[in-house]
Protein backbone atom coordinates (compact mmCIF):
# COMPACT_ATOMS: atom_id res chain seq x y z
CA MET A 1 25.06 60.59 -38.30
CA ASP A 2 23.14 59.59 -34.85
CA ILE A 3 24.55 60.57 -31.67
CA SER A 4 24.72 57.87 -29.35
CA ARG A 5 23.33 59.13 -26.06
CA PRO A 6 23.62 56.31 -23.10
CA GLU A 7 22.44 58.61 -20.41
CA PHE A 8 18.72 58.46 -22.04
CA ARG A 9 18.73 54.75 -22.15
CA LYS A 10 19.58 54.45 -18.17
CA LYS A 11 16.67 56.92 -17.55
CA LYS A 12 14.01 54.70 -19.49
CA ARG A 13 15.10 51.74 -18.02
CA ALA A 14 14.62 53.46 -14.40
CA ARG A 15 11.40 54.54 -15.50
CA LEU A 16 10.34 51.25 -16.57
CA LEU A 17 11.58 49.46 -13.39
CA ALA A 18 9.52 51.85 -11.32
CA LEU A 19 6.48 51.45 -13.17
CA GLY A 20 6.80 47.79 -12.87
CA GLY A 21 7.41 47.80 -9.16
CA GLY A 22 4.80 50.25 -8.30
CA ALA A 23 2.27 48.02 -10.65
CA LEU A 24 3.34 45.07 -8.42
CA LEU A 25 3.09 46.93 -5.26
CA LEU A 26 -0.46 47.67 -6.06
CA LEU A 27 -1.21 44.31 -6.95
CA ILE A 28 -0.07 42.91 -3.86
CA LEU A 29 -2.10 45.48 -1.74
CA ALA A 30 -4.82 44.74 -3.41
CA SER A 31 -4.42 40.67 -2.83
CA ILE A 32 -4.10 41.17 0.78
CA THR A 33 -7.11 43.65 1.01
CA LEU A 34 -9.28 41.00 -1.30
CA ALA A 35 -8.25 38.31 1.43
CA ARG A 36 -8.92 40.32 4.34
CA LEU A 37 -12.44 40.88 3.15
CA LYS A 38 -15.32 38.82 3.96
CA ALA A 39 -17.27 36.69 1.45
CA ALA A 40 -20.18 38.05 0.23
CA ALA A 41 -23.18 36.53 1.65
CA PRO A 42 -24.96 34.53 -0.64
CA SER A 43 -28.72 35.14 -1.25
CA VAL A 44 -31.08 32.09 -0.98
CA THR A 45 -34.85 32.25 -1.62
CA ARG A 46 -36.86 32.35 1.24
CA SER A 47 -39.74 29.88 -0.19
CA SER A 48 -37.31 27.35 -0.74
CA LEU A 49 -36.05 27.27 3.03
CA TRP A 50 -37.85 25.32 5.77
CA ILE A 51 -38.16 28.09 8.76
CA ASP A 52 -39.76 27.72 12.24
CA ASP A 53 -40.33 29.64 15.19
CA VAL A 54 -38.36 29.02 18.61
CA ARG A 55 -41.35 28.85 21.31
CA ARG A 56 -41.73 27.83 25.01
CA GLY A 57 -44.07 25.43 26.58
CA GLU A 58 -44.40 21.70 26.32
CA LEU A 59 -42.35 19.16 24.18
CA VAL A 60 -43.16 15.57 23.78
CA VAL A 61 -40.51 13.16 23.33
CA ASP A 62 -41.27 10.52 20.97
CA VAL A 63 -39.60 7.63 18.73
CA SER A 64 -41.21 6.66 15.21
CA GLY A 65 -41.04 3.65 12.83
CA PRO A 66 -42.98 2.03 10.46
CA GLY A 67 -44.67 -1.19 10.95
CA SER A 68 -48.29 -3.50 10.13
CA LEU A 69 -50.96 -4.43 11.27
CA ILE A 70 -50.79 -8.27 12.34
CA PRO A 71 -53.49 -10.67 13.97
CA LYS A 72 -53.36 -11.02 17.51
CA GLU A 73 -53.78 -14.94 17.64
CA MET A 74 -52.59 -16.68 14.28
CA ARG A 75 -52.59 -20.35 13.78
CA TRP A 76 -49.90 -22.27 11.50
CA ILE A 77 -51.32 -25.07 10.48
CA VAL A 78 -48.69 -27.76 9.73
CA SER A 79 -48.78 -31.43 8.12
CA GLN A 80 -48.77 -34.34 10.69
CA SER A 81 -47.01 -36.94 8.49
CA ASP A 82 -45.85 -37.32 4.97
CA ALA A 83 -48.74 -37.09 2.52
CA ARG A 84 -50.12 -35.66 -0.78
CA VAL A 85 -52.41 -32.62 -1.31
CA ASP A 86 -55.40 -33.94 -3.47
CA ARG A 87 -57.54 -30.89 -2.81
CA ILE A 88 -57.69 -27.23 -1.58
CA VAL A 89 -61.05 -26.29 -0.26
CA ALA A 90 -61.07 -23.18 1.26
CA ARG A 91 -58.57 -20.84 -0.15
CA ALA A 92 -56.94 -17.61 1.34
CA GLY A 93 -59.80 -15.19 2.09
CA ALA A 94 -62.14 -17.71 3.13
CA VAL A 95 -63.89 -17.31 6.49
CA VAL A 96 -63.49 -20.57 8.54
CA GLN A 97 -64.36 -22.22 11.43
CA PRO A 98 -62.56 -24.47 13.80
CA ASP A 99 -63.83 -27.88 12.18
CA THR A 100 -63.72 -26.32 8.81
CA ILE A 101 -61.60 -28.10 6.55
CA ILE A 102 -59.23 -26.25 4.41
CA LEU A 103 -57.35 -29.37 3.02
CA GLU A 104 -57.70 -32.64 2.09
CA CYS A 105 -54.68 -35.00 1.77
CA SER A 106 -53.88 -38.79 1.37
CA ASP A 107 -51.41 -41.50 2.21
CA ALA A 108 -51.48 -45.22 1.64
CA ASP A 109 -48.25 -45.66 3.59
CA LEU A 110 -50.42 -44.17 6.64
CA LEU A 111 -53.71 -46.22 6.38
CA GLN A 112 -51.65 -49.45 6.25
CA GLN A 113 -49.85 -48.22 9.44
CA LEU A 114 -53.23 -47.41 11.00
CA ALA A 115 -54.40 -51.18 10.30
CA ALA A 116 -51.24 -52.62 11.46
CA SER A 117 -51.55 -50.41 14.49
CA LYS A 118 -55.24 -51.74 15.07
CA ALA A 119 -54.36 -55.14 14.98
CA GLN A 120 -51.25 -54.83 17.21
CA LEU A 121 -53.94 -53.15 19.85
CA GLU A 122 -56.52 -56.06 19.19
CA SER A 123 -53.60 -58.69 19.85
CA ALA A 124 -52.29 -56.85 23.07
CA ARG A 125 -56.22 -56.53 24.38
CA ASP A 126 -56.58 -60.18 23.77
CA ALA A 127 -53.13 -61.16 25.48
CA LEU A 128 -54.04 -58.93 28.30
CA ALA A 129 -57.91 -61.08 28.42
CA GLU A 130 -55.96 -64.59 28.31
CA ALA A 131 -53.17 -63.09 31.15
CA GLU A 132 -56.08 -62.35 33.68
CA LEU A 133 -58.32 -65.27 33.11
CA ARG A 134 -54.82 -67.94 33.18
CA LEU A 135 -53.69 -66.25 36.25
CA LYS A 136 -57.35 -65.97 38.41
CA ASP A 137 -57.84 -70.21 37.02
CA GLU A 138 -53.86 -70.54 38.51
CA GLU A 139 -54.83 -68.63 41.76
CA ARG A 140 -58.08 -70.56 42.03
CA ASP A 141 -56.10 -73.85 41.76
CA GLN A 142 -53.43 -73.10 44.32
CA ARG A 143 -56.29 -72.23 46.73
CA VAL A 144 -58.40 -75.39 46.08
CA ALA A 145 -54.93 -77.04 46.90
CA LEU A 146 -54.61 -75.07 49.95
CA SER A 147 -57.99 -75.90 50.85
CA SER A 148 -57.03 -79.89 50.26
CA ALA A 149 -54.04 -79.38 52.47
CA ARG A 150 -55.39 -77.77 55.22
CA ALA A 151 -58.61 -80.66 55.61
CA ASP A 152 -55.97 -83.47 55.66
CA TYR A 153 -53.54 -81.18 58.42
CA GLU A 154 -56.86 -80.63 60.36
CA GLY A 155 -58.18 -84.60 60.10
CA ALA A 156 -54.61 -85.36 60.93
CA GLN A 157 -54.09 -83.45 64.13
CA ALA A 158 -57.94 -84.27 65.07
CA GLU A 159 -56.82 -87.71 65.00
CA VAL A 160 -53.86 -86.89 67.42
CA ASP A 161 -55.78 -85.10 69.30
CA ALA A 162 -58.06 -88.10 70.11
CA LYS A 163 -55.18 -90.52 70.46
CA ARG A 164 -53.30 -88.82 73.04
CA PRO A 165 -55.52 -90.02 76.18
CA LEU A 166 -55.72 -93.51 74.74
CA ALA A 167 -52.25 -93.70 74.59
CA ALA A 168 -51.68 -92.15 77.64
CA GLN A 169 -53.83 -95.00 78.99
CA GLY A 170 -51.74 -97.28 76.94
CA ILE A 171 -54.87 -98.44 74.96
CA VAL A 172 -53.32 -97.22 71.83
CA PRO A 173 -49.30 -98.35 71.00
CA ALA A 174 -47.01 -95.26 71.80
CA LEU A 175 -45.66 -96.28 68.41
CA GLU A 176 -48.74 -95.76 66.83
CA PHE A 177 -49.36 -92.38 68.14
CA ARG A 178 -46.07 -91.07 67.43
CA ARG A 179 -46.74 -91.99 63.60
CA SER A 180 -50.17 -90.33 63.78
CA GLU A 181 -48.11 -87.33 65.58
CA LEU A 182 -45.50 -87.37 62.50
CA SER A 183 -48.17 -87.28 59.79
CA ALA A 184 -50.08 -84.60 61.04
CA GLU A 185 -46.76 -82.20 61.34
CA ALA A 186 -45.63 -83.19 57.68
CA LEU A 187 -49.81 -82.10 56.47
CA LYS A 188 -49.05 -78.84 58.51
CA VAL A 189 -45.47 -78.45 56.40
CA LYS A 190 -47.07 -79.03 53.17
CA MET A 191 -50.40 -76.64 54.45
CA GLU A 192 -47.97 -73.99 55.18
CA ALA A 193 -46.05 -74.24 51.89
CA ILE A 194 -48.97 -74.16 49.71
CA ASP A 195 -50.18 -71.05 51.54
CA GLU A 196 -46.94 -69.28 51.00
CA ARG A 197 -46.94 -70.01 47.60
CA LEU A 198 -50.25 -68.71 46.90
CA LYS A 199 -49.78 -65.39 48.95
CA ASN A 200 -46.80 -64.86 46.45
CA PHE A 201 -48.24 -66.14 43.56
CA SER A 202 -51.30 -63.50 44.16
CA ALA A 203 -48.78 -60.90 45.01
CA THR A 204 -47.15 -61.32 41.49
CA ILE A 205 -50.75 -61.35 39.56
CA PRO A 206 -51.12 -57.08 39.68
CA VAL A 207 -47.42 -56.83 38.08
CA ARG A 208 -47.91 -59.35 35.38
CA ILE A 209 -51.30 -58.03 34.51
CA GLY A 210 -49.50 -54.35 34.74
CA ALA A 211 -47.22 -55.58 32.11
CA GLU A 212 -49.84 -56.42 30.09
CA ARG A 213 -51.75 -53.45 30.46
CA ALA A 214 -48.46 -51.22 29.64
CA GLN A 215 -48.11 -53.16 26.28
CA VAL A 216 -52.13 -52.25 25.48
CA GLU A 217 -51.32 -48.76 26.21
CA GLN A 218 -48.24 -48.74 23.85
CA MET A 219 -50.22 -50.29 21.28
CA ARG A 220 -53.09 -47.69 22.01
CA GLY A 221 -50.86 -44.96 22.14
CA ALA A 222 -49.67 -45.87 18.64
CA PHE A 223 -52.64 -46.43 16.95
CA ASP A 224 -54.34 -43.08 18.34
CA ARG A 225 -51.29 -41.46 17.01
CA ARG A 226 -51.99 -42.91 13.57
CA SER A 227 -55.65 -42.25 13.86
CA GLU A 228 -54.63 -38.75 14.53
CA GLN A 229 -52.44 -38.57 11.64
CA VAL A 230 -55.12 -40.21 9.43
CA ALA A 231 -57.91 -37.44 10.81
CA ALA A 232 -55.28 -34.81 9.93
CA LEU A 233 -55.60 -35.67 6.39
CA HIS A 234 -58.14 -33.84 6.29
CA VAL A 235 -56.77 -30.18 7.19
CA ARG A 236 -59.35 -28.05 9.19
CA ALA A 237 -58.72 -24.52 10.59
CA GLY A 238 -58.93 -25.08 14.67
CA ILE A 239 -60.12 -21.72 15.01
CA ASP A 240 -62.67 -19.17 13.88
CA GLY A 241 -60.87 -16.50 11.51
CA VAL A 242 -59.73 -16.13 7.95
CA VAL A 243 -57.45 -17.98 5.71
CA GLN A 244 -54.39 -15.68 5.45
CA GLU A 245 -52.29 -18.13 3.23
CA ILE A 246 -52.39 -21.32 1.64
CA MET A 247 -48.86 -22.92 1.07
CA VAL A 248 -49.37 -25.78 -1.13
CA GLU A 249 -50.48 -26.53 -4.55
CA GLU A 250 -52.65 -29.69 -5.34
CA GLY A 251 -50.94 -32.57 -6.13
CA GLN A 252 -48.00 -31.27 -3.88
CA ARG A 253 -46.32 -33.87 -1.74
CA VAL A 254 -45.34 -32.51 1.78
CA GLY A 255 -43.49 -33.86 4.63
CA SER A 256 -44.12 -34.02 8.24
CA GLY A 257 -43.84 -30.64 10.23
CA MET A 258 -44.40 -28.75 6.84
CA ASN A 259 -46.50 -25.50 6.86
CA LEU A 260 -49.75 -25.75 4.80
CA ALA A 261 -51.64 -23.01 5.89
CA ARG A 262 -52.22 -20.05 8.23
CA VAL A 263 -55.14 -18.71 9.53
CA ALA A 264 -55.85 -15.51 12.04
CA ARG A 265 -58.82 -13.55 13.32
CA PRO A 266 -58.74 -10.67 11.19
CA ASN A 267 -60.86 -8.28 13.42
CA ASP A 268 -58.55 -8.93 16.49
CA LEU A 269 -55.31 -6.97 15.25
CA GLN A 270 -51.98 -5.40 16.77
CA ALA A 271 -49.58 -3.14 15.23
CA GLN A 272 -45.89 -4.15 15.03
CA LEU A 273 -43.59 -1.66 14.74
CA GLN A 274 -39.94 -1.61 13.60
CA ILE A 275 -37.98 0.95 15.64
CA PRO A 276 -34.38 1.58 14.87
CA GLU A 277 -31.88 0.36 17.57
CA SER A 278 -30.38 3.72 18.26
CA GLN A 279 -34.02 4.76 19.51
CA ALA A 280 -35.01 1.40 21.15
CA HIS A 281 -33.53 1.80 24.10
CA TYR A 282 -35.92 4.77 25.20
CA VAL A 283 -38.97 2.21 24.74
CA GLN A 284 -40.34 1.28 27.58
CA ILE A 285 -43.79 -1.38 28.07
CA GLY A 286 -47.28 0.40 28.91
CA GLN A 287 -45.81 3.62 26.82
CA THR A 288 -48.66 5.72 24.57
CA VAL A 289 -48.52 4.91 20.69
CA ALA A 290 -50.14 6.92 17.88
CA VAL A 291 -50.75 4.69 14.91
CA ASP A 292 -51.29 6.14 11.52
CA THR A 293 -52.92 3.57 9.24
CA HIS A 294 -53.30 6.00 6.76
CA ASN A 295 -57.08 5.67 6.96
CA GLY A 296 -57.39 7.30 10.49
CA MET A 297 -55.58 7.31 13.61
CA ALA A 298 -55.44 4.73 16.50
CA LYS A 299 -54.21 4.57 19.96
CA GLY A 300 -52.21 1.89 22.02
CA HIS A 301 -49.78 0.87 23.75
CA VAL A 302 -46.42 -0.81 23.78
CA LYS A 303 -47.24 -4.69 25.10
CA ARG A 304 -43.72 -6.18 23.87
CA ILE A 305 -40.38 -5.50 22.86
CA ASP A 306 -38.27 -8.03 21.09
CA PRO A 307 -34.96 -8.84 22.87
CA VAL A 308 -33.21 -9.29 19.82
CA VAL A 309 -31.77 -6.53 17.58
CA GLN A 310 -32.38 -7.75 13.77
CA GLY A 311 -31.08 -5.96 10.72
CA GLY A 312 -30.47 -2.96 12.70
CA ILE A 313 -34.15 -2.72 13.87
CA VAL A 314 -35.97 -3.71 17.11
CA ARG A 315 -39.64 -4.80 16.78
CA VAL A 316 -42.30 -3.46 19.06
CA ASP A 317 -45.94 -4.93 19.60
CA VAL A 318 -48.28 -2.56 20.46
CA ASP A 319 -51.81 -3.13 21.56
CA ILE A 320 -54.53 -1.26 20.01
CA ASP A 321 -56.78 0.66 22.72
CA GLY A 322 -60.12 0.67 21.09
CA ALA A 323 -61.67 0.19 17.72
CA LEU A 324 -59.53 0.47 14.88
CA PRO A 325 -60.83 2.62 11.75
CA SER A 326 -62.68 1.15 9.21
CA GLY A 327 -61.65 -0.66 6.39
CA VAL A 328 -58.01 -1.92 7.97
CA ARG A 329 -56.94 -5.51 7.70
CA SER A 330 -54.02 -7.86 8.38
CA ASP A 331 -50.51 -6.61 6.99
CA LEU A 332 -51.54 -3.45 6.31
CA ALA A 333 -48.53 -0.72 6.21
CA VAL A 334 -49.20 1.46 9.64
CA ASP A 335 -46.71 4.10 10.93
CA GLY A 336 -46.11 4.28 14.64
CA THR A 337 -45.08 7.38 17.17
CA ILE A 338 -44.06 6.26 20.72
CA GLU A 339 -44.53 8.78 23.31
CA ILE A 340 -41.38 8.62 25.38
CA GLN A 341 -42.15 11.53 27.61
CA ARG A 342 -43.34 15.09 28.16
CA LEU A 343 -40.62 17.89 28.82
CA ARG A 344 -42.85 20.79 30.48
CA ASP A 345 -41.84 24.62 29.82
CA VAL A 346 -38.92 24.21 28.12
CA ILE A 347 -37.66 26.03 24.82
CA TYR A 348 -38.03 24.15 21.82
CA THR A 349 -38.26 24.48 17.73
CA GLY A 350 -38.49 22.08 14.72
CA ARG A 351 -36.22 19.18 14.43
CA PRO A 352 -33.25 20.61 12.26
CA ALA A 353 -32.18 18.50 9.14
CA PHE A 354 -28.67 18.76 10.25
CA ILE A 355 -28.21 18.21 13.82
CA GLN A 356 -28.89 15.34 16.24
CA PRO A 357 -30.75 16.10 19.44
CA ASN A 358 -28.33 15.91 22.82
CA SER A 359 -25.46 17.71 20.81
CA MET A 360 -23.98 21.19 19.84
CA GLY A 361 -24.07 22.90 16.27
CA THR A 362 -24.92 25.68 14.33
CA MET A 363 -28.22 27.20 12.90
CA PHE A 364 -28.89 30.61 10.84
CA ARG A 365 -31.50 32.60 13.02
CA ILE A 366 -33.19 35.10 10.81
CA THR A 367 -33.02 38.71 11.44
CA GLY A 368 -35.54 41.79 10.64
CA ASP A 369 -33.53 42.98 7.95
CA GLY A 370 -33.74 40.03 5.52
CA GLU A 371 -30.56 38.36 6.98
CA ALA A 372 -29.63 35.05 8.45
CA ASN A 373 -26.65 34.87 10.86
CA ARG A 374 -25.03 31.63 12.05
CA VAL A 375 -25.28 31.14 15.48
CA GLN A 376 -24.21 28.22 17.73
CA VAL A 377 -26.84 26.27 19.75
CA GLU A 378 -26.71 23.40 21.84
CA LEU A 379 -29.68 20.76 21.57
CA GLY A 380 -31.36 18.67 24.09
CA SER A 381 -33.89 15.85 23.68
CA GLY A 382 -35.99 15.38 20.66
CA SER A 383 -38.93 13.99 18.74
CA THR A 384 -39.88 13.03 15.55
CA LYS A 385 -40.51 16.71 14.80
CA SER A 386 -38.91 18.74 17.35
CA VAL A 387 -36.07 19.49 19.75
CA ALA A 388 -35.28 20.95 22.97
CA ILE A 389 -33.28 24.16 22.79
CA LEU A 390 -30.69 24.22 25.67
CA SER A 391 -28.47 27.12 24.75
CA GLY A 392 -28.15 29.89 21.89
CA LEU A 393 -31.73 30.73 21.05
CA ARG A 394 -34.52 32.46 22.45
CA PRO A 395 -38.18 32.14 22.79
CA GLY A 396 -39.61 34.29 19.51
CA ASP A 397 -36.47 33.49 17.33
CA ARG A 398 -37.05 32.33 13.65
CA VAL A 399 -34.40 30.00 12.54
CA ILE A 400 -33.70 27.81 9.33
CA LEU A 401 -34.44 23.94 9.80
CA SER A 402 -33.32 22.98 6.30
CA ASP A 403 -30.16 21.41 5.28
CA THR A 404 -27.54 24.30 5.07
CA SER A 405 -24.56 22.18 4.89
CA ALA A 406 -23.78 24.00 1.20
CA TRP A 407 -23.42 27.39 2.97
CA ASN A 408 -21.32 26.08 5.58
CA LYS A 409 -18.53 28.72 4.89
CA TYR A 410 -20.61 31.77 4.89
CA PRO A 411 -21.51 33.17 8.40
CA SER A 412 -24.86 34.75 7.23
CA LEU A 413 -27.11 34.54 4.37
CA ARG A 414 -29.31 37.00 2.62
CA LEU A 415 -33.31 36.08 2.11
CA ASN A 416 -34.78 36.79 -0.96
CA ASN A 417 -38.94 36.96 -1.11
C-alpha cells in the first residue's frame, strides 16, 4: 500500500512557485530593457529621397502662380438696341479692321422709330423757320408803327414851335395854341409807348427763337440716336485685330446692352497671373517677372495688382518687356515667377516639402556613415524653390527635402544605395 508523504508535495509546490516567480521577474526585466531601447532606425533607399546641399550665396526670394496671356486692348461689342441676328459675317479667328462688319442685324420697329424721329425733326425745323419769319415780321411792323408815331409827334411839335411866337403876339388864339401843345404831348406819349413795346419785343425774340431751336436740337438728338442704332445693326469691329469670340447665333433675338462679340489685338499681349492671397502682399508694382510660356521664357514687370481677393487668389497683370516667344497666342496658359527681393550672402538650401518659410522645424541631415540624423532648424525667407537657413545647418551639409512625416518618431534614418 502507498504511504502518504506530505513533505514531498510541499517541496514540489515551493519549487514550482520559485520557478514561476523567476520567469515573471525575467519577463518584467526584459520588458523594461526593451522599453528603454531606442527604436531601430528604418532603412530608406537613397534614390527615393530628394536630397540637396546647404550653400552660402545669393538667394532670390520670389512668388509664383499660374495664369494666361490676355490682350492689352480688347473690345467688347454690345447691342445698341433690340434686334435679330440675320447673318454672322466674320467668325472667331477672322482678321478685322475698324470698319469690318462682323454681324448683320435687323429690327423693323427701330426703322419705324427712325422714320418717326426724322418726321419730328423736320417738323421742328419748319416750326423754327416759321417762328423766325413771324417774329421778324412782327418786329418790322412795330418799327413801322414807331416811325409813323415819331413822324406824327415831330409834325405836331413843329406846329407848336411855329405857333408859339404867333400866340405870343396874339395872332394865334391861346386856346388853339394850347390844343396844339396837348396834341403834340399825346403823340409823344404814344411814340414812347410804341418804342418801349418794340424794345421789349426785340428782347424776347432770342428767347422765343432759342426755345424753338432747343426743340430742334432735342429732335435732332433723338434722330441721331435712332440713326446710330440703325447703323449699329451692321455690327463693326471698331479696332484692328482678330475676332476672339462670337456670342450669338444667326436668327437669335438680342436685347440692348447684350454682348455680341469680342475683338482683340493678338500681337499686343500681357500676362495675368493668379497669386495666392497668402503671398500677394509681397507683390509690388514694377517688380521683375519671369513668364514661362512652355515654349520659351519672357521677361516682364508687374503693372497692376487687383485690389480684390477672389477665391483665395489675387490677379496680377504683367507687362511683357520685349518680344514674346514665337507661336504664343491669346488665352495661352503660362506660369509666372515674381522676384520679390535678393538676399546676399545667406545660407540656403532647397525648399523642404514639409516646413514653411519663416518657421521652426526639423530636418534630416546626412552624415558620412550613411545615416541621416534629425536636427532642429530655423527657416527664414523662401522662394519657390529655395529657403534661407537662419540656424541649425551650415554650408556643406546635405539634407533631405522630401516629406519625412512617415518617420516622425525616428531620430535617424539608414540610407541604402
